[in-house]
């Protein structure tokens, strides 16, 4: 469990491990919205990113909830301080890195991503079950927030002057260069000044993370050996994919701009 990612084979072999908690990460959970969505890894618990693990009072999507809210939501899922957490999603690698990063921010280090997610699990023929409403014994999860892993709008604005950190945007090249409209209605096109573009698909291959050597090639052109890296995207989700990839291949300090382009485009001149 020291690794950031685990394979479907490893997870299948360790389903009965004491303290293991498997979380099925859903961006917008709609119960039984399709046949695939109605299935999960055997024993997995639904991690509802939008409804249970985002700040519902924020004007921007998918932003971090308060420390107390995150703590209570984890306890309701039966998560403990001692839990060994594996997160996955139904796209392969998409929203699960966001959940991984959130646990890291909240001080829980024993968390990994299932490489290839549910498609890899199902392809291997391992046990699945239908999603049903379950209640869990309250956990004793405790938050130990790490503010050094998060950047807000003020931090991004200050960095425009200091240039102490390199901002990496995980959106598609067309979105980064403003060649296509943003998915969010009426959100202006463009990018944060001085940022560079590494689309999140660049670090993936067949729904999994590329090898460490391949990831080093992705980041090979960065002139920032000692510079902190700040990852951004549309709303802070896919930014975490590229952040995870950088942690597998670089030694730089990593942060996420939680509001990402959705916030910056609406606040900055």
C-alpha atoms as a PDB file:
ATOM      1  CA  UNK A   1       0.000   0.000   0.000  1.00  0.00           C
ATOM      2  CA  UNK A   2       3.015   2.302  -0.107  1.00  0.00           C
ATOM      3  CA  UNK A   3       2.489   2.789  -3.842  1.00  0.00           C
ATOM      4  CA  UNK A   4       0.214   5.440  -5.330  1.00  0.00           C
ATOM      5  CA  UNK A   5      -1.383   2.898  -7.683  1.00  0.00           C
ATOM      6  CA  UNK A   6      -2.377  -0.751  -7.322  1.00  0.00           C
ATOM      7  CA  UNK A   7      -3.315  -3.284  -9.975  1.00  0.00           C
ATOM      8  CA  UNK A   8      -6.608  -5.140 -10.318  1.00  0.00           C
ATOM      9  CA  UNK A   9      -4.720  -8.351  -9.516  1.00  0.00           C
ATOM     10  CA  UNK A  10      -3.364  -6.865  -6.292  1.00  0.00           C
ATOM     11  CA  UNK A  11      -6.765  -5.607  -5.190  1.00  0.00           C
ATOM     12  CA  UNK A  12      -8.443  -8.931  -5.919  1.00  0.00           C
ATOM     13  CA  UNK A  13      -5.813 -10.695  -3.818  1.00  0.00           C
ATOM     14  CA  UNK A  14      -6.326  -8.267  -0.933  1.00  0.00           C
ATOM     15  CA  UNK A  15     -10.105  -7.804  -0.795  1.00  0.00           C
ATOM     16  CA  UNK A  16     -10.205  -9.321   2.673  1.00  0.00           C
ATOM     17  CA  UNK A  17      -7.257  -7.340   4.038  1.00  0.00           C
ATOM     18  CA  UNK A  18      -8.015  -5.896   7.499  1.00  0.00           C
ATOM     19  CA  UNK A  19      -8.925  -2.183   7.376  1.00  0.00           C
ATOM     20  CA  UNK A  20      -9.135  -2.030   3.580  1.00  0.00           C
ATOM     21  CA  UNK A  21     -11.797   0.352   2.253  1.00  0.00           C
ATOM     22  CA  UNK A  22     -12.599   0.453  -1.484  1.00  0.00           C
ATOM     23  CA  UNK A  23     -14.210   3.632  -2.769  1.00  0.00           C
ATOM     24  CA  UNK A  24     -16.119   3.868  -6.052  1.00  0.00           C
ATOM     25  CA  UNK A  25     -15.614   7.521  -7.007  1.00  0.00           C
ATOM     26  CA  UNK A  26     -18.521   9.075  -8.910  1.00  0.00           C
ATOM     27  CA  UNK A  27     -18.453  12.646 -10.198  1.00  0.00           C
ATOM     28  CA  UNK A  28     -22.235  13.000 -10.306  1.00  0.00           C
ATOM     29  CA  UNK A  29     -23.807   9.936  -8.801  1.00  0.00           C
ATOM     30  CA  UNK A  30     -27.185   8.943 -10.238  1.00  0.00           C
ATOM     31  CA  UNK A  31     -28.231   5.558  -8.834  1.00  0.00           C
ATOM     32  CA  UNK A  32     -28.563   2.903 -11.546  1.00  0.00           C
ATOM     33  CA  UNK A  33     -28.333   5.420 -14.394  1.00  0.00           C
ATOM     34  CA  UNK A  34     -27.013   2.623 -16.616  1.00  0.00           C
ATOM     35  CA  UNK A  35     -26.217  -1.074 -16.422  1.00  0.00           C
ATOM     36  CA  UNK A  36     -22.509  -0.316 -15.903  1.00  0.00           C
ATOM     37  CA  UNK A  37     -23.173   2.393 -13.313  1.00  0.00           C
ATOM     38  CA  UNK A  38     -25.266  -0.125 -11.391  1.00  0.00           C
ATOM     39  CA  UNK A  39     -22.181  -2.280 -10.789  1.00  0.00           C
ATOM     40  CA  UNK A  40     -19.212  -1.800  -8.516  1.00  0.00           C
ATOM     41  CA  UNK A  41     -16.188  -3.698  -7.260  1.00  0.00           C
ATOM     42  CA  UNK A  42     -17.319  -6.203  -4.646  1.00  0.00           C
ATOM     43  CA  UNK A  43     -17.557  -4.424  -1.298  1.00  0.00           C
ATOM     44  CA  UNK A  44     -16.927  -0.924  -2.662  1.00  0.00           C
ATOM     45  CA  UNK A  45     -18.570   2.148  -1.144  1.00  0.00           C
ATOM     46  CA  UNK A  46     -19.799   5.090  -3.213  1.00  0.00           C
ATOM     47  CA  UNK A  47     -17.658   8.229  -2.944  1.00  0.00           C
ATOM     48  CA  UNK A  48     -20.071  10.884  -4.303  1.00  0.00           C
ATOM     49  CA  UNK A  49     -17.737  13.705  -5.300  1.00  0.00           C
ATOM     50  CA  UNK A  50     -20.348  16.291  -6.213  1.00  0.00           C
ATOM     51  CA  UNK A  51     -22.911  15.725  -3.467  1.00  0.00           C
ATOM     52  CA  UNK A  52     -20.845  14.553  -0.482  1.00  0.00           C
ATOM     53  CA  UNK A  53     -17.276  15.694  -1.080  1.00  0.00           C
ATOM     54  CA  UNK A  54     -17.525  19.180  -2.606  1.00  0.00           C
ATOM     55  CA  UNK A  55     -18.323  22.599  -1.159  1.00  0.00           C
ATOM     56  CA  UNK A  56     -22.009  23.001  -1.995  1.00  0.00           C
ATOM     57  CA  UNK A  57     -21.858  26.687  -1.051  1.00  0.00           C
ATOM     58  CA  UNK A  58     -19.133  27.503  -3.552  1.00  0.00           C
ATOM     59  CA  UNK A  59     -19.996  29.212  -6.829  1.00  0.00           C
ATOM     60  CA  UNK A  60     -17.359  27.040  -8.497  1.00  0.00           C
ATOM     61  CA  UNK A  61     -17.733  23.280  -9.159  1.00  0.00           C
ATOM     62  CA  UNK A  62     -15.951  20.466  -7.313  1.00  0.00           C
ATOM     63  CA  UNK A  63     -14.111  22.694  -4.828  1.00  0.00           C
ATOM     64  CA  UNK A  64     -12.791  21.214  -1.589  1.00  0.00           C
ATOM     65  CA  UNK A  65     -15.350  20.970   1.211  1.00  0.00           C
ATOM     66  CA  UNK A  66     -14.557  22.227   4.698  1.00  0.00           C
ATOM     67  CA  UNK A  67     -12.333  20.040   6.840  1.00  0.00           C
ATOM     68  CA  UNK A  68     -15.243  19.216   9.144  1.00  0.00           C
ATOM     69  CA  UNK A  69     -17.526  18.299   6.235  1.00  0.00           C
ATOM     70  CA  UNK A  70     -14.896  16.016   4.700  1.00  0.00           C
ATOM     71  CA  UNK A  71     -14.259  14.370   8.047  1.00  0.00           C
ATOM     72  CA  UNK A  72     -17.941  13.718   8.716  1.00  0.00           C
ATOM     73  CA  UNK A  73     -18.586  12.435   5.178  1.00  0.00           C
ATOM     74  CA  UNK A  74     -15.712   9.977   5.553  1.00  0.00           C
ATOM     75  CA  UNK A  75     -16.986   8.799   8.928  1.00  0.00           C
ATOM     76  CA  UNK A  76     -20.424   8.144   7.427  1.00  0.00           C
ATOM     77  CA  UNK A  77     -18.742   5.825   4.925  1.00  0.00           C
ATOM     78  CA  UNK A  78     -17.167   3.933   7.820  1.00  0.00           C
ATOM     79  CA  UNK A  79     -13.658   5.212   7.086  1.00  0.00           C
ATOM     80  CA  UNK A  80     -11.219   5.126   9.997  1.00  0.00           C
ATOM     81  CA  UNK A  81      -7.840   6.665  10.740  1.00  0.00           C
ATOM     82  CA  UNK A  82      -6.376   3.198  10.193  1.00  0.00           C
ATOM     83  CA  UNK A  83      -8.153   2.536   6.876  1.00  0.00           C
ATOM     84  CA  UNK A  84      -6.184   1.412   3.852  1.00  0.00           C
ATOM     85  CA  UNK A  85      -8.052   3.152   1.041  1.00  0.00           C
ATOM     86  CA  UNK A  86      -8.209   2.186  -2.641  1.00  0.00           C
ATOM     87  CA  UNK A  87     -10.128   4.527  -4.946  1.00  0.00           C
ATOM     88  CA  UNK A  88     -11.283   3.844  -8.501  1.00  0.00           C
ATOM     89  CA  UNK A  89     -13.659   5.229 -11.104  1.00  0.00           C
ATOM     90  CA  UNK A  90     -15.665   3.952 -14.056  1.00  0.00           C
ATOM     91  CA  UNK A  91     -13.620   5.690 -16.747  1.00  0.00           C
ATOM     92  CA  UNK A  92     -10.290   3.985 -16.080  1.00  0.00           C
ATOM     93  CA  UNK A  93      -8.413   6.993 -14.728  1.00  0.00           C
ATOM     94  CA  UNK A  94     -10.469  10.186 -14.466  1.00  0.00           C
ATOM     95  CA  UNK A  95     -12.012  11.238 -11.138  1.00  0.00           C
ATOM     96  CA  UNK A  96     -10.230   8.772  -8.838  1.00  0.00           C
ATOM     97  CA  UNK A  97      -6.994  10.851  -8.722  1.00  0.00           C
ATOM     98  CA  UNK A  98      -9.062  13.759  -7.424  1.00  0.00           C
ATOM     99  CA  UNK A  99     -10.258  11.609  -4.503  1.00  0.00           C
ATOM    100  CA  UNK A 100      -6.676  10.393  -3.951  1.00  0.00           C
ATOM    101  CA  UNK A 101      -5.436  13.992  -3.787  1.00  0.00           C
ATOM    102  CA  UNK A 102      -8.247  15.033  -1.447  1.00  0.00           C
ATOM    103  CA  UNK A 103      -7.301  12.345   1.062  1.00  0.00           C
ATOM    104  CA  UNK A 104      -3.676  13.483   0.845  1.00  0.00           C
ATOM    105  CA  UNK A 105      -4.703  17.101   1.438  1.00  0.00           C
ATOM    106  CA  UNK A 106      -6.756  16.001   4.424  1.00  0.00           C
ATOM    107  CA  UNK A 107      -3.765  14.211   5.915  1.00  0.00           C
ATOM    108  CA  UNK A 108      -4.550  10.559   5.100  1.00  0.00           C
ATOM    109  CA  UNK A 109      -1.489   9.025   3.444  1.00  0.00           C
ATOM    110  CA  UNK A 110      -2.585   5.395   3.093  1.00  0.00           C
ATOM    111  CA  UNK A 111      -4.521   5.790  -0.159  1.00  0.00           C
ATOM    112  CA  UNK A 112      -3.980   4.354  -3.656  1.00  0.00           C
ATOM    113  CA  UNK A 113      -5.656   4.475  -7.061  1.00  0.00           C
ATOM    114  CA  UNK A 114      -6.762   1.321  -8.858  1.00  0.00           C
ATOM    115  CA  UNK A 115      -4.880   1.540 -12.155  1.00  0.00           C
ATOM    116  CA  UNK A 116      -7.342   1.126 -15.010  1.00  0.00           C
ATOM    117  CA  UNK A 117     -10.289   1.522 -12.655  1.00  0.00           C
ATOM    118  CA  UNK A 118     -13.504  -0.445 -12.983  1.00  0.00           C
ATOM    119  CA  UNK A 119     -13.012  -1.265 -16.706  1.00  0.00           C
ATOM    120  CA  UNK A 120      -9.748  -3.068 -15.837  1.00  0.00           C
ATOM    121  CA  UNK A 121     -11.417  -4.845 -12.925  1.00  0.00           C
ATOM    122  CA  UNK A 122     -14.328  -6.003 -15.062  1.00  0.00           C
ATOM    123  CA  UNK A 123     -12.017  -7.012 -17.923  1.00  0.00           C
ATOM    124  CA  UNK A 124     -10.125  -9.290 -15.519  1.00  0.00           C
ATOM    125  CA  UNK A 125     -13.400 -10.987 -14.586  1.00  0.00           C
ATOM    126  CA  UNK A 126     -13.194 -10.184 -10.895  1.00  0.00           C
ATOM    127  CA  UNK A 127     -16.209 -10.044  -8.611  1.00  0.00           C
ATOM    128  CA  UNK A 128     -18.723  -7.233  -9.024  1.00  0.00           C
ATOM    129  CA  UNK A 129     -22.044  -6.518  -7.376  1.00  0.00           C
ATOM    130  CA  UNK A 130     -24.949  -4.151  -7.820  1.00  0.00           C
ATOM    131  CA  UNK A 131     -24.915  -0.829  -6.050  1.00  0.00           C
ATOM    132  CA  UNK A 132     -27.418  -0.852  -3.212  1.00  0.00           C
ATOM    133  CA  UNK A 133     -27.960   1.520  -0.353  1.00  0.00           C
ATOM    134  CA  UNK A 134     -25.762   0.481   2.522  1.00  0.00           C
ATOM    135  CA  UNK A 135     -25.217   1.935   5.961  1.00  0.00           C
ATOM    136  CA  UNK A 136     -21.899   1.622   7.732  1.00  0.00           C
ATOM    137  CA  UNK A 137     -20.767   1.788  11.289  1.00  0.00           C
ATOM    138  CA  UNK A 138     -19.491   5.316  11.923  1.00  0.00           C
ATOM    139  CA  UNK A 139     -15.749   5.590  11.392  1.00  0.00           C
ATOM    140  CA  UNK A 140     -13.245   7.617  13.380  1.00  0.00           C
ATOM    141  CA  UNK A 141     -11.542   9.333  10.412  1.00  0.00           C
ATOM    142  CA  UNK A 142      -9.633  12.448  11.455  1.00  0.00           C
ATOM    143  CA  UNK A 143      -8.553  15.324   9.204  1.00  0.00           C
ATOM    144  CA  UNK A 144      -5.046  16.755   9.421  1.00  0.00           C
ATOM    145  CA  UNK A 145      -5.247  19.423   6.722  1.00  0.00           C
ATOM    146  CA  UNK A 146      -2.154  20.269   4.665  1.00  0.00           C
ATOM    147  CA  UNK A 147      -2.558  23.794   3.213  1.00  0.00           C
ATOM    148  CA  UNK A 148       0.712  23.491   1.280  1.00  0.00           C
ATOM    149  CA  UNK A 149      -0.979  21.209  -1.252  1.00  0.00           C
ATOM    150  CA  UNK A 150      -3.604  23.768  -2.323  1.00  0.00           C
ATOM    151  CA  UNK A 151      -3.387  27.107  -4.135  1.00  0.00           C
ATOM    152  CA  UNK A 152      -6.189  29.682  -4.267  1.00  0.00           C
ATOM    153  CA  UNK A 153      -6.817  32.615  -6.615  1.00  0.00           C
ATOM    154  CA  UNK A 154      -4.681  34.966  -4.519  1.00  0.00           C
ATOM    155  CA  UNK A 155      -1.789  32.529  -4.725  1.00  0.00           C
ATOM    156  CA  UNK A 156      -2.122  32.280  -8.505  1.00  0.00           C
ATOM    157  CA  UNK A 157      -2.280  36.073  -8.806  1.00  0.00           C
ATOM    158  CA  UNK A 158       0.851  36.487  -6.684  1.00  0.00           C
ATOM    159  CA  UNK A 159       2.653  33.897  -8.790  1.00  0.00           C
ATOM    160  CA  UNK A 160       2.031  36.001 -11.906  1.00  0.00           C
ATOM    161  CA  UNK A 161       4.484  38.478 -10.398  1.00  0.00           C
ATOM    162  CA  UNK A 162       6.914  36.189  -8.592  1.00  0.00           C
ATOM    163  CA  UNK A 163       6.905  33.250 -11.040  1.00  0.00           C
ATOM    164  CA  UNK A 164       8.123  31.030  -8.235  1.00  0.00           C
ATOM    165  CA  UNK A 165       5.916  28.156  -9.412  1.00  0.00           C
ATOM    166  CA  UNK A 166       5.120  26.720 -12.833  1.00  0.00           C
ATOM    167  CA  UNK A 167       1.386  26.370 -13.584  1.00  0.00           C
ATOM    168  CA  UNK A 168       0.491  23.279 -15.633  1.00  0.00           C
ATOM    169  CA  UNK A 169      -2.949  23.143 -17.266  1.00  0.00           C
ATOM    170  CA  UNK A 170      -4.393  19.645 -17.829  1.00  0.00           C
ATOM    171  CA  UNK A 171      -7.161  20.693 -20.243  1.00  0.00           C
ATOM    172  CA  UNK A 172      -7.067  19.721 -23.907  1.00  0.00           C
ATOM    173  CA  UNK A 173      -4.788  21.699 -26.190  1.00  0.00           C
ATOM    174  CA  UNK A 174      -7.764  23.244 -28.012  1.00  0.00           C
ATOM    175  CA  UNK A 175      -9.295  24.462 -24.758  1.00  0.00           C
ATOM    176  CA  UNK A 176      -5.974  25.738 -23.443  1.00  0.00           C
ATOM    177  CA  UNK A 177      -5.388  27.779 -26.615  1.00  0.00           C
ATOM    178  CA  UNK A 178      -8.994  28.994 -26.719  1.00  0.00           C
ATOM    179  CA  UNK A 179      -9.767  27.324 -30.038  1.00  0.00           C
ATOM    180  CA  UNK A 180     -13.012  25.757 -28.823  1.00  0.00           C
ATOM    181  CA  UNK A 181     -15.704  26.947 -26.382  1.00  0.00           C
ATOM    182  CA  UNK A 182     -15.452  25.921 -22.742  1.00  0.00           C
ATOM    183  CA  UNK A 183     -17.939  23.205 -21.682  1.00  0.00           C
ATOM    184  CA  UNK A 184     -19.384  25.524 -19.060  1.00  0.00           C
ATOM    185  CA  UNK A 185     -21.810  27.921 -20.678  1.00  0.00           C
ATOM    186  CA  UNK A 186     -20.598  31.521 -21.024  1.00  0.00           C
ATOM    187  CA  UNK A 187     -17.185  30.779 -19.482  1.00  0.00           C
ATOM    188  CA  UNK A 188     -14.580  32.698 -21.455  1.00  0.00           C
ATOM    189  CA  UNK A 189     -11.792  30.956 -23.317  1.00  0.00           C
ATOM    190  CA  UNK A 190      -8.082  31.180 -22.625  1.00  0.00           C
ATOM    191  CA  UNK A 191      -5.497  30.210 -20.034  1.00  0.00           C
ATOM    192  CA  UNK A 192      -3.646  31.517 -16.995  1.00  0.00           C
ATOM    193  CA  UNK A 193      -0.723  33.728 -18.110  1.00  0.00           C
ATOM    194  CA  UNK A 194       2.671  31.965 -18.135  1.00  0.00           C
ATOM    195  CA  UNK A 195       1.052  28.522 -17.732  1.00  0.00           C
ATOM    196  CA  UNK A 196       1.930  25.546 -19.927  1.00  0.00           C
ATOM    197  CA  UNK A 197      -0.282  22.783 -21.267  1.00  0.00           C
ATOM    198  CA  UNK A 198       0.031  19.051 -20.537  1.00  0.00           C
ATOM    199  CA  UNK A 199      -3.345  17.492 -21.429  1.00  0.00           C
ATOM    200  CA  UNK A 200      -4.235  14.767 -18.946  1.00  0.00           C
ATOM    201  CA  UNK A 201      -4.522  12.177 -21.743  1.00  0.00           C
ATOM    202  CA  UNK A 202      -0.780  12.647 -22.313  1.00  0.00           C
ATOM    203  CA  UNK A 203       0.070  10.743 -19.118  1.00  0.00           C
ATOM    204  CA  UNK A 204      -2.339   7.841 -19.780  1.00  0.00           C
ATOM    205  CA  UNK A 205      -2.289   4.817 -22.049  1.00  0.00           C
ATOM    206  CA  UNK A 206      -5.218   2.427 -22.493  1.00  0.00           C
ATOM    207  CA  UNK A 207      -6.945   3.772 -19.378  1.00  0.00           C
ATOM    208  CA  UNK A 208      -3.879   3.384 -17.158  1.00  0.00           C
ATOM    209  CA  UNK A 209      -0.949   5.543 -16.159  1.00  0.00           C
ATOM    210  CA  UNK A 210       2.052   5.284 -18.443  1.00  0.00           C
ATOM    211  CA  UNK A 211       5.258   3.712 -17.119  1.00  0.00           C
ATOM    212  CA  UNK A 212       7.636   5.796 -15.047  1.00  0.00           C
ATOM    213  CA  UNK A 213      10.070   6.152 -17.956  1.00  0.00           C
ATOM    214  CA  UNK A 214       7.273   7.231 -20.300  1.00  0.00           C
ATOM    215  CA  UNK A 215       6.082   9.783 -17.738  1.00  0.00           C
ATOM    216  CA  UNK A 216       9.589  11.175 -17.393  1.00  0.00           C
ATOM    217  CA  UNK A 217       9.532  11.795 -21.155  1.00  0.00           C
ATOM    218  CA  UNK A 218       6.242  13.698 -20.821  1.00  0.00           C
ATOM    219  CA  UNK A 219       7.803  16.070 -18.284  1.00  0.00           C
ATOM    220  CA  UNK A 220      11.250  16.045 -19.910  1.00  0.00           C
ATOM    221  CA  UNK A 221      10.966  19.542 -21.410  1.00  0.00           C
ATOM    222  CA  UNK A 222      10.129  21.264 -18.126  1.00  0.00           C
ATOM    223  CA  UNK A 223      12.788  23.781 -17.167  1.00  0.00           C
ATOM    224  CA  UNK A 224      11.800  23.557 -13.528  1.00  0.00           C
ATOM    225  CA  UNK A 225      13.881  20.985 -11.682  1.00  0.00           C
ATOM    226  CA  UNK A 226      13.501  22.765  -8.333  1.00  0.00           C
ATOM    227  CA  UNK A 227      10.382  24.817  -9.050  1.00  0.00           C
ATOM    228  CA  UNK A 228       7.063  23.970  -7.362  1.00  0.00           C
ATOM    229  CA  UNK A 229       4.396  22.819  -9.811  1.00  0.00           C
ATOM    230  CA  UNK A 230       0.795  24.009  -9.649  1.00  0.00           C
ATOM    231  CA  UNK A 231      -1.756  21.929 -11.526  1.00  0.00           C
ATOM    232  CA  UNK A 232      -4.936  23.397 -12.983  1.00  0.00           C
ATOM    233  CA  UNK A 233      -7.690  22.315 -15.385  1.00  0.00           C
ATOM    234  CA  UNK A 234     -11.360  23.238 -15.768  1.00  0.00           C
ATOM    235  CA  UNK A 235     -12.508  22.581 -12.206  1.00  0.00           C
ATOM    236  CA  UNK A 236      -9.655  20.833 -10.374  1.00  0.00           C
ATOM    237  CA  UNK A 237     -10.449  17.228 -11.327  1.00  0.00           C
ATOM    238  CA  UNK A 238      -8.203  16.237 -14.243  1.00  0.00           C
ATOM    239  CA  UNK A 239      -5.446  18.435 -12.786  1.00  0.00           C
ATOM    240  CA  UNK A 240      -5.009  15.689 -10.195  1.00  0.00           C
ATOM    241  CA  UNK A 241      -4.294  13.106 -12.922  1.00  0.00           C
ATOM    242  CA  UNK A 242      -1.254  15.030 -14.156  1.00  0.00           C
ATOM    243  CA  UNK A 243      -0.225  15.803 -10.577  1.00  0.00           C
ATOM    244  CA  UNK A 244      -0.192  12.069  -9.788  1.00  0.00           C
ATOM    245  CA  UNK A 245       1.860  11.412 -12.914  1.00  0.00           C
ATOM    246  CA  UNK A 246       4.382  14.052 -11.877  1.00  0.00           C
ATOM    247  CA  UNK A 247       4.686  12.516  -8.406  1.00  0.00           C
ATOM    248  CA  UNK A 248       5.523   9.185 -10.038  1.00  0.00           C
ATOM    249  CA  UNK A 249       8.353  10.669 -12.087  1.00  0.00           C
ATOM    250  CA  UNK A 250       9.534  13.987 -10.570  1.00  0.00           C
ATOM    251  CA  UNK A 251      10.633  15.269  -7.177  1.00  0.00           C
ATOM    252  CA  UNK A 252       9.049  18.724  -7.403  1.00  0.00           C
ATOM    253  CA  UNK A 253       6.656  20.070  -4.796  1.00  0.00           C
ATOM    254  CA  UNK A 254       3.105  19.715  -6.160  1.00  0.00           C
ATOM    255  CA  UNK A 255      -0.042  21.745  -5.568  1.00  0.00           C
ATOM    256  CA  UNK A 256      -3.501  22.023  -7.135  1.00  0.00           C
ATOM    257  CA  UNK A 257      -5.237  25.270  -8.004  1.00  0.00           C
ATOM    258  CA  UNK A 258      -8.593  24.176  -6.652  1.00  0.00           C
ATOM    259  CA  UNK A 259     -10.741  26.733  -8.466  1.00  0.00           C
ATOM    260  CA  UNK A 260      -8.815  26.193 -11.703  1.00  0.00           C
ATOM    261  CA  UNK A 261      -9.846  27.901 -14.956  1.00  0.00           C
ATOM    262  CA  UNK A 262     -13.518  28.121 -13.991  1.00  0.00           C
ATOM    263  CA  UNK A 263     -12.626  30.404 -11.089  1.00  0.00           C
ATOM    264  CA  UNK A 264      -9.773  32.276 -12.760  1.00  0.00           C
ATOM    265  CA  UNK A 265     -11.780  33.096 -15.893  1.00  0.00           C
ATOM    266  CA  UNK A 266     -14.599  34.635 -13.828  1.00  0.00           C
ATOM    267  CA  UNK A 267     -12.456  36.617 -11.387  1.00  0.00           C
ATOM    268  CA  UNK A 268      -9.369  37.773 -13.273  1.00  0.00           C
ATOM    269  CA  UNK A 269      -9.446  40.724 -15.648  1.00  0.00           C
END
